[in-house]
Amino acid sequence: MIKIKKVITALLSEQINNEDFLYQDAVLEYIEENEEIDFLLINEELPGEEIESFINKIKNIKIILFVNNSKNKEKLLNEKIYRIYTNGEIEIEELKNTIKEEN
């Protein structure tokens, strides 16, 4: 049986986001109300507090973080982050496969 994964996106794009996730508070509120989330795709510049503090509030969700440059990528490495990519580093199909292959 294939498990369908629930993925939410907060990538600073109204066209890509599942909901109105243009602020960290909106993401946290949604996560609190919906426990069945497997992945969160976020942009490091999502408005709110420091991204590290925001990430530390998220429990039991695999985080895929998109950063602007490789210096930030190294700085933000954290055991809570499943994958971290520099903007433009990964294609949509690769990202889908990464999520699909995770058990």
PDB file of N, CA and C in Angstrom:
ATOM      1  N   MET A   1       0.841  -1.181   0.000  1.00  0.00           N
ATOM      2  CA  MET A   1       0.000   0.000   0.000  1.00  0.00           C
ATOM      3  C   MET A   1       0.889   1.248   0.000  1.00  0.00           C
ATOM      4  N   ILE A   2       0.572   2.193  -0.843  1.00  0.00           N
ATOM      5  CA  ILE A   2       1.328   3.436  -0.929  1.00  0.00           C
ATOM      6  C   ILE A   2       0.694   4.466  -0.001  1.00  0.00           C
ATOM      7  N   LYS A   3       1.518   5.055   0.845  1.00  0.00           N
ATOM      8  CA  LYS A   3       1.022   6.097   1.746  1.00  0.00           C
ATOM      9  C   LYS A   3       1.113   7.435   1.029  1.00  0.00           C
ATOM     10  N   ILE A   4       0.009   8.138   0.978  1.00  0.00           N
ATOM     11  CA  ILE A   4       0.000   9.476   0.397  1.00  0.00           C
ATOM     12  C   ILE A   4       0.573  10.419   1.448  1.00  0.00           C
ATOM     13  N   LYS A   5       1.522  11.207   1.035  1.00  0.00           N
ATOM     14  CA  LYS A   5       2.160  12.127   1.967  1.00  0.00           C
ATOM     15  C   LYS A   5       1.498  13.493   1.891  1.00  0.00           C
ATOM     16  N   LYS A   6       1.347  14.098   3.050  1.00  0.00           N
ATOM     17  CA  LYS A   6       0.788  15.449   3.109  1.00  0.00           C
ATOM     18  C   LYS A   6       1.946  16.431   3.170  1.00  0.00           C
ATOM     19  N   VAL A   7       1.994  17.313   2.194  1.00  0.00           N
ATOM     20  CA  VAL A   7       3.071  18.287   2.060  1.00  0.00           C
ATOM     21  C   VAL A   7       2.458  19.680   2.070  1.00  0.00           C
ATOM     22  N   ILE A   8       3.023  20.557   2.889  1.00  0.00           N
ATOM     23  CA  ILE A   8       2.599  21.949   2.832  1.00  0.00           C
ATOM     24  C   ILE A   8       3.798  22.800   2.418  1.00  0.00           C
ATOM     25  N   THR A   9       3.501  23.876   1.714  1.00  0.00           N
ATOM     26  CA  THR A   9       4.559  24.740   1.206  1.00  0.00           C
ATOM     27  C   THR A   9       4.376  26.166   1.707  1.00  0.00           C
ATOM     28  N   ALA A  10       5.488  26.752   2.102  1.00  0.00           N
ATOM     29  CA  ALA A  10       5.523  28.151   2.509  1.00  0.00           C
ATOM     30  C   ALA A  10       6.759  28.752   1.854  1.00  0.00           C
ATOM     31  N   LEU A  11       6.657  28.969   0.558  1.00  0.00           N
ATOM     32  CA  LEU A  11       7.807  29.357  -0.245  1.00  0.00           C
ATOM     33  C   LEU A  11       7.742  30.798  -0.738  1.00  0.00           C
ATOM     34  N   LEU A  12       6.950  31.621  -0.071  1.00  0.00           N
ATOM     35  CA  LEU A  12       6.814  33.037  -0.427  1.00  0.00           C
ATOM     36  C   LEU A  12       6.248  33.242  -1.819  1.00  0.00           C
ATOM     37  N   SER A  13       5.371  32.356  -2.207  1.00  0.00           N
ATOM     38  CA  SER A  13       4.725  32.477  -3.510  1.00  0.00           C
ATOM     39  C   SER A  13       3.269  32.066  -3.362  1.00  0.00           C
ATOM     40  N   GLU A  14       2.375  32.995  -3.595  1.00  0.00           N
ATOM     41  CA  GLU A  14       0.956  32.676  -3.472  1.00  0.00           C
ATOM     42  C   GLU A  14       0.520  31.609  -4.466  1.00  0.00           C
ATOM     43  N   GLN A  15       1.220  31.492  -5.585  1.00  0.00           N
ATOM     44  CA  GLN A  15       0.859  30.495  -6.592  1.00  0.00           C
ATOM     45  C   GLN A  15       1.261  29.083  -6.166  1.00  0.00           C
ATOM     46  N   ILE A  16       2.303  28.954  -5.343  1.00  0.00           N
ATOM     47  CA  ILE A  16       2.813  27.643  -4.948  1.00  0.00           C
ATOM     48  C   ILE A  16       2.243  27.188  -3.615  1.00  0.00           C
ATOM     49  N   ASN A  17       2.009  28.102  -2.700  1.00  0.00           N
ATOM     50  CA  ASN A  17       1.569  27.724  -1.357  1.00  0.00           C
ATOM     51  C   ASN A  17       0.210  27.055  -1.375  1.00  0.00           C
ATOM     52  N   ASN A  18       0.055  26.056  -0.467  1.00  0.00           N
ATOM     53  CA  ASN A  18      -1.229  25.367  -0.325  1.00  0.00           C
ATOM     54  C   ASN A  18      -2.301  26.307   0.216  1.00  0.00           C
ATOM     55  N   GLU A  19      -1.923  27.088   1.168  1.00  0.00           N
ATOM     56  CA  GLU A  19      -2.837  27.980   1.868  1.00  0.00           C
ATOM     57  C   GLU A  19      -2.227  29.385   1.816  1.00  0.00           C
ATOM     58  N   ASP A  20      -2.652  30.225   2.719  1.00  0.00           N
ATOM     59  CA  ASP A  20      -2.095  31.581   2.792  1.00  0.00           C
ATOM     60  C   ASP A  20      -0.902  31.578   3.750  1.00  0.00           C
ATOM     61  N   PHE A  21       0.146  30.841   3.385  1.00  0.00           N
ATOM     62  CA  PHE A  21       1.320  30.695   4.241  1.00  0.00           C
ATOM     63  C   PHE A  21       2.390  31.709   3.866  1.00  0.00           C
ATOM     64  N   LEU A  22       2.111  32.955   4.092  1.00  0.00           N
ATOM     65  CA  LEU A  22       3.080  33.993   3.776  1.00  0.00           C
ATOM     66  C   LEU A  22       3.773  34.505   5.034  1.00  0.00           C
ATOM     67  N   TYR A  23       3.444  33.908   6.199  1.00  0.00           N
ATOM     68  CA  TYR A  23       4.048  34.266   7.480  1.00  0.00           C
ATOM     69  C   TYR A  23       4.246  33.006   8.309  1.00  0.00           C
ATOM     70  N   GLN A  24       5.262  33.009   9.152  1.00  0.00           N
ATOM     71  CA  GLN A  24       5.536  31.852  10.005  1.00  0.00           C
ATOM     72  C   GLN A  24       4.357  31.521  10.913  1.00  0.00           C
ATOM     73  N   ASP A  25       3.705  32.534  11.469  1.00  0.00           N
ATOM     74  CA  ASP A  25       2.580  32.284  12.379  1.00  0.00           C
ATOM     75  C   ASP A  25       1.467  31.488  11.705  1.00  0.00           C
ATOM     76  N   ALA A  26       1.204  31.778  10.443  1.00  0.00           N
ATOM     77  CA  ALA A  26       0.156  31.050   9.718  1.00  0.00           C
ATOM     78  C   ALA A  26       0.539  29.587   9.550  1.00  0.00           C
ATOM     79  N   VAL A  27       1.805  29.329   9.303  1.00  0.00           N
ATOM     80  CA  VAL A  27       2.279  27.945   9.164  1.00  0.00           C
ATOM     81  C   VAL A  27       2.126  27.203  10.486  1.00  0.00           C
ATOM     82  N   LEU A  28       2.575  27.817  11.574  1.00  0.00           N
ATOM     83  CA  LEU A  28       2.474  27.171  12.887  1.00  0.00           C
ATOM     84  C   LEU A  28       1.024  26.897  13.275  1.00  0.00           C
ATOM     85  N   GLU A  29       0.161  27.835  13.008  1.00  0.00           N
ATOM     86  CA  GLU A  29      -1.260  27.660  13.315  1.00  0.00           C
ATOM     87  C   GLU A  29      -1.839  26.481  12.529  1.00  0.00           C
ATOM     88  N   TYR A  30      -1.500  26.387  11.260  1.00  0.00           N
ATOM     89  CA  TYR A  30      -1.989  25.290  10.428  1.00  0.00           C
ATOM     90  C   TYR A  30      -1.456  23.951  10.938  1.00  0.00           C
ATOM     91  N   ILE A  31      -0.183  23.911  11.294  1.00  0.00           N
ATOM     92  CA  ILE A  31       0.413  22.674  11.794  1.00  0.00           C
ATOM     93  C   ILE A  31      -0.271  22.223  13.080  1.00  0.00           C
ATOM     94  N   GLU A  32      -0.576  23.151  13.966  1.00  0.00           N
ATOM     95  CA  GLU A  32      -1.252  22.817  15.218  1.00  0.00           C
ATOM     96  C   GLU A  32      -2.631  22.223  14.972  1.00  0.00           C
ATOM     97  N   GLU A  33      -3.308  22.676  13.941  1.00  0.00           N
ATOM     98  CA  GLU A  33      -4.661  22.208  13.638  1.00  0.00           C
ATOM     99  C   GLU A  33      -4.687  20.947  12.778  1.00  0.00           C
ATOM    100  N   ASN A  34      -3.579  20.617  12.139  1.00  0.00           N
ATOM    101  CA  ASN A  34      -3.516  19.482  11.216  1.00  0.00           C
ATOM    102  C   ASN A  34      -2.307  18.618  11.551  1.00  0.00           C
ATOM    103  N   GLU A  35      -2.542  17.519  12.229  1.00  0.00           N
ATOM    104  CA  GLU A  35      -1.457  16.681  12.724  1.00  0.00           C
ATOM    105  C   GLU A  35      -0.859  15.746  11.680  1.00  0.00           C
ATOM    106  N   GLU A  36      -1.501  15.514  10.595  1.00  0.00           N
ATOM    107  CA  GLU A  36      -1.073  14.515   9.616  1.00  0.00           C
ATOM    108  C   GLU A  36      -0.149  15.082   8.530  1.00  0.00           C
ATOM    109  N   ILE A  37       0.737  15.971   8.870  1.00  0.00           N
ATOM    110  CA  ILE A  37       1.626  16.584   7.882  1.00  0.00           C
ATOM    111  C   ILE A  37       2.958  15.843   7.887  1.00  0.00           C
ATOM    112  N   ASP A  38       3.418  15.458   6.701  1.00  0.00           N
ATOM    113  CA  ASP A  38       4.678  14.737   6.584  1.00  0.00           C
ATOM    114  C   ASP A  38       5.852  15.651   6.258  1.00  0.00           C
ATOM    115  N   PHE A  39       5.639  16.623   5.369  1.00  0.00           N
ATOM    116  CA  PHE A  39       6.706  17.500   4.908  1.00  0.00           C
ATOM    117  C   PHE A  39       6.263  18.953   4.938  1.00  0.00           C
ATOM    118  N   LEU A  40       7.224  19.818   5.251  1.00  0.00           N
ATOM    119  CA  LEU A  40       7.030  21.262   5.161  1.00  0.00           C
ATOM    120  C   LEU A  40       8.154  21.806   4.296  1.00  0.00           C
ATOM    121  N   LEU A  41       7.797  22.449   3.199  1.00  0.00           N
ATOM    122  CA  LEU A  41       8.770  23.108   2.333  1.00  0.00           C
ATOM    123  C   LEU A  41       8.700  24.594   2.647  1.00  0.00           C
ATOM    124  N   ILE A  42       9.816  25.156   3.110  1.00  0.00           N
ATOM    125  CA  ILE A  42       9.811  26.569   3.494  1.00  0.00           C
ATOM    126  C   ILE A  42      11.011  27.307   2.916  1.00  0.00           C
ATOM    127  N   ASN A  43      10.818  28.597   2.779  1.00  0.00           N
ATOM    128  CA  ASN A  43      11.875  29.501   2.356  1.00  0.00           C
ATOM    129  C   ASN A  43      12.456  30.139   3.610  1.00  0.00           C
ATOM    130  N   GLU A  44      13.771  30.277   3.672  1.00  0.00           N
ATOM    131  CA  GLU A  44      14.415  30.848   4.859  1.00  0.00           C
ATOM    132  C   GLU A  44      13.953  32.276   5.151  1.00  0.00           C
ATOM    133  N   GLU A  45      13.413  32.966   4.156  1.00  0.00           N
ATOM    134  CA  GLU A  45      13.003  34.361   4.338  1.00  0.00           C
ATOM    135  C   GLU A  45      11.523  34.512   4.690  1.00  0.00           C
ATOM    136  N   LEU A  46      10.861  33.421   5.028  1.00  0.00           N
ATOM    137  CA  LEU A  46       9.459  33.496   5.430  1.00  0.00           C
ATOM    138  C   LEU A  46       9.350  34.476   6.604  1.00  0.00           C
ATOM    139  N   PRO A  47       8.547  35.541   6.466  1.00  0.00           N
ATOM    140  CA  PRO A  47       8.480  36.564   7.517  1.00  0.00           C
ATOM    141  C   PRO A  47       8.081  36.008   8.876  1.00  0.00           C
ATOM    142  N   GLY A  48       8.743  36.524   9.875  1.00  0.00           N
ATOM    143  CA  GLY A  48       8.518  36.131  11.258  1.00  0.00           C
ATOM    144  C   GLY A  48       9.818  36.250  12.019  1.00  0.00           C
ATOM    145  N   GLU A  49      10.005  35.364  12.976  1.00  0.00           N
ATOM    146  CA  GLU A  49      11.233  35.399  13.783  1.00  0.00           C
ATOM    147  C   GLU A  49      12.406  34.787  13.022  1.00  0.00           C
ATOM    148  N   GLU A  50      13.557  34.681  13.679  1.00  0.00           N
ATOM    149  CA  GLU A  50      14.715  34.034  13.064  1.00  0.00           C
ATOM    150  C   GLU A  50      14.323  32.629  12.615  1.00  0.00           C
ATOM    151  N   ILE A  51      14.774  32.219  11.454  1.00  0.00           N
ATOM    152  CA  ILE A  51      14.353  30.933  10.884  1.00  0.00           C
ATOM    153  C   ILE A  51      14.721  29.769  11.800  1.00  0.00           C
ATOM    154  N   GLU A  52      15.853  29.855  12.496  1.00  0.00           N
ATOM    155  CA  GLU A  52      16.255  28.776  13.403  1.00  0.00           C
ATOM    156  C   GLU A  52      15.240  28.592  14.529  1.00  0.00           C
ATOM    157  N   SER A  53      14.763  29.682  15.095  1.00  0.00           N
ATOM    158  CA  SER A  53      13.756  29.609  16.167  1.00  0.00           C
ATOM    159  C   SER A  53      12.458  29.024  15.648  1.00  0.00           C
ATOM    160  N   PHE A  54      12.075  29.440  14.462  1.00  0.00           N
ATOM    161  CA  PHE A  54      10.852  28.926  13.846  1.00  0.00           C
ATOM    162  C   PHE A  54      10.956  27.412  13.640  1.00  0.00           C
ATOM    163  N   ILE A  55      12.070  26.968  13.083  1.00  0.00           N
ATOM    164  CA  ILE A  55      12.272  25.533  12.826  1.00  0.00           C
ATOM    165  C   ILE A  55      12.218  24.738  14.124  1.00  0.00           C
ATOM    166  N   ASN A  56      12.770  25.272  15.190  1.00  0.00           N
ATOM    167  CA  ASN A  56      12.776  24.557  16.467  1.00  0.00           C
ATOM    168  C   ASN A  56      11.381  24.375  17.063  1.00  0.00           C
ATOM    169  N   LYS A  57      10.413  25.139  16.612  1.00  0.00           N
ATOM    170  CA  LYS A  57       9.038  25.000  17.101  1.00  0.00           C
ATOM    171  C   LYS A  57       8.282  23.875  16.385  1.00  0.00           C
ATOM    172  N   ILE A  58       8.819  23.399  15.292  1.00  0.00           N
ATOM    173  CA  ILE A  58       8.124  22.402  14.478  1.00  0.00           C
ATOM    174  C   ILE A  58       8.514  21.002  14.925  1.00  0.00           C
ATOM    175  N   LYS A  59       7.538  20.192  15.221  1.00  0.00           N
ATOM    176  CA  LYS A  59       7.774  18.836  15.723  1.00  0.00           C
ATOM    177  C   LYS A  59       7.243  17.800  14.734  1.00  0.00           C
ATOM    178  N   ASN A  60       7.979  16.727  14.579  1.00  0.00           N
ATOM    179  CA  ASN A  60       7.539  15.535  13.829  1.00  0.00           C
ATOM    180  C   ASN A  60       7.164  15.789  12.375  1.00  0.00           C
ATOM    181  N   ILE A  61       7.790  16.760  11.757  1.00  0.00           N
ATOM    182  CA  ILE A  61       7.559  17.040  10.339  1.00  0.00           C
ATOM    183  C   ILE A  61       8.924  17.160   9.680  1.00  0.00           C
ATOM    184  N   LYS A  62       9.088  16.540   8.547  1.00  0.00           N
ATOM    185  CA  LYS A  62      10.342  16.658   7.802  1.00  0.00           C
ATOM    186  C   LYS A  62      10.345  18.012   7.090  1.00  0.00           C
ATOM    187  N   ILE A  63      11.401  18.761   7.318  1.00  0.00           N
ATOM    188  CA  ILE A  63      11.493  20.111   6.768  1.00  0.00           C
ATOM    189  C   ILE A  63      12.460  20.115   5.590  1.00  0.00           C
ATOM    190  N   ILE A  64      11.995  20.647   4.476  1.00  0.00           N
ATOM    191  CA  ILE A  64      12.861  20.911   3.331  1.00  0.00           C
ATOM    192  C   ILE A  64      12.956  22.428   3.242  1.00  0.00           C
ATOM    193  N   LEU A  65      14.175  22.922   3.438  1.00  0.00           N
ATOM    194  CA  LEU A  65      14.408  24.356   3.535  1.00  0.00           C
ATOM    195  C   LEU A  65      15.115  24.857   2.282  1.00  0.00           C
ATOM    196  N   PHE A  66      14.637  25.964   1.753  1.00  0.00           N
ATOM    197  CA  PHE A  66      15.257  26.608   0.599  1.00  0.00           C
ATOM    198  C   PHE A  66      15.933  27.887   1.075  1.00  0.00           C
ATOM    199  N   VAL A  67      17.225  28.019   0.752  1.00  0.00           N
ATOM    200  CA  VAL A  67      18.012  29.179   1.179  1.00  0.00           C
ATOM    201  C   VAL A  67      18.520  29.923  -0.043  1.00  0.00           C
ATOM    202  N   ASN A  68      18.961  31.154   0.169  1.00  0.00           N
ATOM    203  CA  ASN A  68      19.415  31.984  -0.948  1.00  0.00           C
ATOM    204  C   ASN A  68      20.840  31.692  -1.386  1.00  0.00           C
ATOM    205  N   ASN A  69      21.697  31.303  -0.457  1.00  0.00           N
ATOM    206  CA  ASN A  69      23.083  31.047  -0.856  1.00  0.00           C
ATOM    207  C   ASN A  69      23.699  29.939  -0.016  1.00  0.00           C
ATOM    208  N   SER A  70      24.822  29.425  -0.468  1.00  0.00           N
ATOM    209  CA  SER A  70      25.440  28.273   0.187  1.00  0.00           C
ATOM    210  C   SER A  70      25.963  28.599   1.585  1.00  0.00           C
ATOM    211  N   LYS A  71      26.307  29.855   1.869  1.00  0.00           N
ATOM    212  CA  LYS A  71      26.740  30.206   3.230  1.00  0.00           C
ATOM    213  C   LYS A  71      25.601  29.970   4.215  1.00  0.00           C
ATOM    214  N   ASN A  72      24.407  30.363   3.820  1.00  0.00           N
ATOM    215  CA  ASN A  72      23.246  30.128   4.682  1.00  0.00           C
ATOM    216  C   ASN A  72      22.971  28.637   4.815  1.00  0.00           C
ATOM    217  N   LYS A  73      23.208  27.905   3.751  1.00  0.00           N
ATOM    218  CA  LYS A  73      22.978  26.461   3.766  1.00  0.00           C
ATOM    219  C   LYS A  73      23.829  25.809   4.856  1.00  0.00           C
ATOM    220  N   GLU A  74      25.097  26.169   4.917  1.00  0.00           N
ATOM    221  CA  GLU A  74      25.995  25.604   5.928  1.00  0.00           C
ATOM    222  C   GLU A  74      25.614  26.067   7.326  1.00  0.00           C
ATOM    223  N   LYS A  75      25.237  27.326   7.457  1.00  0.00           N
ATOM    224  CA  LYS A  75      24.895  27.891   8.760  1.00  0.00           C
ATOM    225  C   LYS A  75      23.627  27.269   9.346  1.00  0.00           C
ATOM    226  N   LEU A  76      22.672  26.945   8.494  1.00  0.00           N
ATOM    227  CA  LEU A  76      21.367  26.486   8.962  1.00  0.00           C
ATOM    228  C   LEU A  76      21.246  24.974   9.099  1.00  0.00           C
ATOM    229  N   LEU A  77      22.308  24.229   8.793  1.00  0.00           N
ATOM    230  CA  LEU A  77      22.222  22.778   8.951  1.00  0.00           C
ATOM    231  C   LEU A  77      21.786  22.459  10.377  1.00  0.00           C
ATOM    232  N   ASN A  78      20.822  21.587  10.494  1.00  0.00           N
ATOM    233  CA  ASN A  78      20.170  21.331  11.772  1.00  0.00           C
ATOM    234  C   ASN A  78      19.578  19.934  11.702  1.00  0.00           C
ATOM    235  N   GLU A  79      19.582  19.223  12.800  1.00  0.00           N
ATOM    236  CA  GLU A  79      19.034  17.859  12.795  1.00  0.00           C
ATOM    237  C   GLU A  79      17.538  17.829  12.485  1.00  0.00           C
ATOM    238  N   LYS A  80      16.848  18.938  12.623  1.00  0.00           N
ATOM    239  CA  LYS A  80      15.413  18.984  12.319  1.00  0.00           C
ATOM    240  C   LYS A  80      15.123  19.147  10.837  1.00  0.00           C
ATOM    241  N   ILE A  81      16.156  19.494  10.062  1.00  0.00           N
ATOM    242  CA  ILE A  81      15.959  19.729   8.636  1.00  0.00           C
ATOM    243  C   ILE A  81      16.269  18.460   7.861  1.00  0.00           C
ATOM    244  N   TYR A  82      15.296  17.998   7.091  1.00  0.00           N
ATOM    245  CA  TYR A  82      15.446  16.781   6.301  1.00  0.00           C
ATOM    246  C   TYR A  82      16.381  17.013   5.117  1.00  0.00           C
ATOM    247  N   ARG A  83      16.158  18.099   4.376  1.00  0.00           N
ATOM    248  CA  ARG A  83      17.024  18.481   3.249  1.00  0.00           C
ATOM    249  C   ARG A  83      17.084  20.009   3.208  1.00  0.00           C
ATOM    250  N   ILE A  84      18.180  20.505   2.681  1.00  0.00           N
ATOM    251  CA  ILE A  84      18.328  21.946   2.516  1.00  0.00           C
ATOM    252  C   ILE A  84      18.911  22.191   1.126  1.00  0.00           C
ATOM    253  N   TYR A  85      18.276  23.090   0.398  1.00  0.00           N
ATOM    254  CA  TYR A  85      18.691  23.383  -0.972  1.00  0.00           C
ATOM    255  C   TYR A  85      18.890  24.878  -1.145  1.00  0.00           C
ATOM    256  N   THR A  86      19.859  25.221  -1.965  1.00  0.00           N
ATOM    257  CA  THR A  86      20.009  26.601  -2.387  1.00  0.00           C
ATOM    258  C   THR A  86      18.954  26.848  -3.462  1.00  0.00           C
ATOM    259  N   ASN A  87      18.337  28.015  -3.451  1.00  0.00           N
ATOM    260  CA  ASN A  87      17.302  28.320  -4.448  1.00  0.00           C
ATOM    261  C   ASN A  87      17.815  27.996  -5.850  1.00  0.00           C
ATOM    262  N   GLY A  88      17.025  27.292  -6.618  1.00  0.00           N
ATOM    263  CA  GLY A  88      17.381  26.921  -7.980  1.00  0.00           C
ATOM    264  C   GLY A  88      18.228  25.664  -8.077  1.00  0.00           C
ATOM    265  N   GLU A  89      18.553  25.038  -6.959  1.00  0.00           N
ATOM    266  CA  GLU A  89      19.442  23.872  -6.954  1.00  0.00           C
ATOM    267  C   GLU A  89      18.730  22.580  -7.344  1.00  0.00           C
ATOM    268  N   ILE A  90      17.432  22.528  -7.178  1.00  0.00           N
ATOM    269  CA  ILE A  90      16.703  21.285  -7.429  1.00  0.00           C
ATOM    270  C   ILE A  90      15.506  21.558  -8.324  1.00  0.00           C
ATOM    271  N   GLU A  91      15.220  20.605  -9.197  1.00  0.00           N
ATOM    272  CA  GLU A  91      14.064  20.695 -10.086  1.00  0.00           C
ATOM    273  C   GLU A  91      12.840  20.114  -9.383  1.00  0.00           C
ATOM    274  N   ILE A  92      11.667  20.529  -9.806  1.00  0.00           N
ATOM    275  CA  ILE A  92      10.415  20.076  -9.209  1.00  0.00           C
ATOM    276  C   ILE A  92      10.302  18.549  -9.233  1.00  0.00           C
ATOM    277  N   GLU A  93      10.632  17.915 -10.339  1.00  0.00           N
ATOM    278  CA  GLU A  93      10.520  16.455 -10.436  1.00  0.00           C
ATOM    279  C   GLU A  93      11.432  15.759  -9.434  1.00  0.00           C
ATOM    280  N   GLU A  94      12.643  16.277  -9.240  1.00  0.00           N
ATOM    281  CA  GLU A  94      13.563  15.705  -8.254  1.00  0.00           C
ATOM    282  C   GLU A  94      12.981  15.840  -6.850  1.00  0.00           C
ATOM    283  N   LEU A  95      12.395  16.987  -6.581  1.00  0.00           N
ATOM    284  CA  LEU A  95      11.801  17.234  -5.278  1.00  0.00           C
ATOM    285  C   LEU A  95      10.642  16.271  -5.028  1.00  0.00           C
ATOM    286  N   LYS A  96       9.807  16.077  -6.028  1.00  0.00           N
ATOM    287  CA  LYS A  96       8.700  15.124  -5.905  1.00  0.00           C
ATOM    288  C   LYS A  96       9.228  13.729  -5.604  1.00  0.00           C
ATOM    289  N   ASN A  97      10.280  13.326  -6.295  1.00  0.00           N
ATOM    290  CA  ASN A  97      10.859  12.007  -6.062  1.00  0.00           C
ATOM    291  C   ASN A  97      11.455  11.877  -4.666  1.00  0.00           C
ATOM    292  N   THR A  98      12.074  12.932  -4.168  1.00  0.00           N
ATOM    293  CA  THR A  98      12.624  12.920  -2.810  1.00  0.00           C
ATOM    294  C   THR A  98      11.521  12.670  -1.804  1.00  0.00           C
ATOM    295  N   ILE A  99      10.422  13.342  -1.962  1.00  0.00           N
ATOM    296  CA  ILE A  99       9.294  13.191  -1.033  1.00  0.00           C
ATOM    297  C   ILE A  99       8.651  11.817  -1.205  1.00  0.00           C
ATOM    298  N   LYS A 100       8.475  11.385  -2.423  1.00  0.00           N
ATOM    299  CA  LYS A 100       7.837  10.099  -2.722  1.00  0.00           C
ATOM    300  C   LYS A 100       8.635   8.928  -2.167  1.00  0.00           C
ATOM    301  N   GLU A 101       9.966   9.007  -2.249  1.00  0.00           N
ATOM    302  CA  GLU A 101      10.818   7.901  -1.829  1.00  0.00           C
ATOM    303  C   GLU A 101      10.980   7.801  -0.320  1.00  0.00           C
ATOM    304  N   GLU A 102      10.706   8.862   0.422  1.00  0.00           N
ATOM    305  CA  GLU A 102      10.862   8.836   1.865  1.00  0.00           C
ATOM    306  C   GLU A 102       9.805   7.933   2.486  1.00  0.00           C
ATOM    307  N   ASN A 103      10.250   7.045   3.351  1.00  0.00           N
ATOM    308  CA  ASN A 103       9.306   6.122   4.034  1.00  0.00           C
ATOM    309  C   ASN A 103       8.965   6.618   5.391  1.00  0.00           C
TER     310      ASN A 103
END
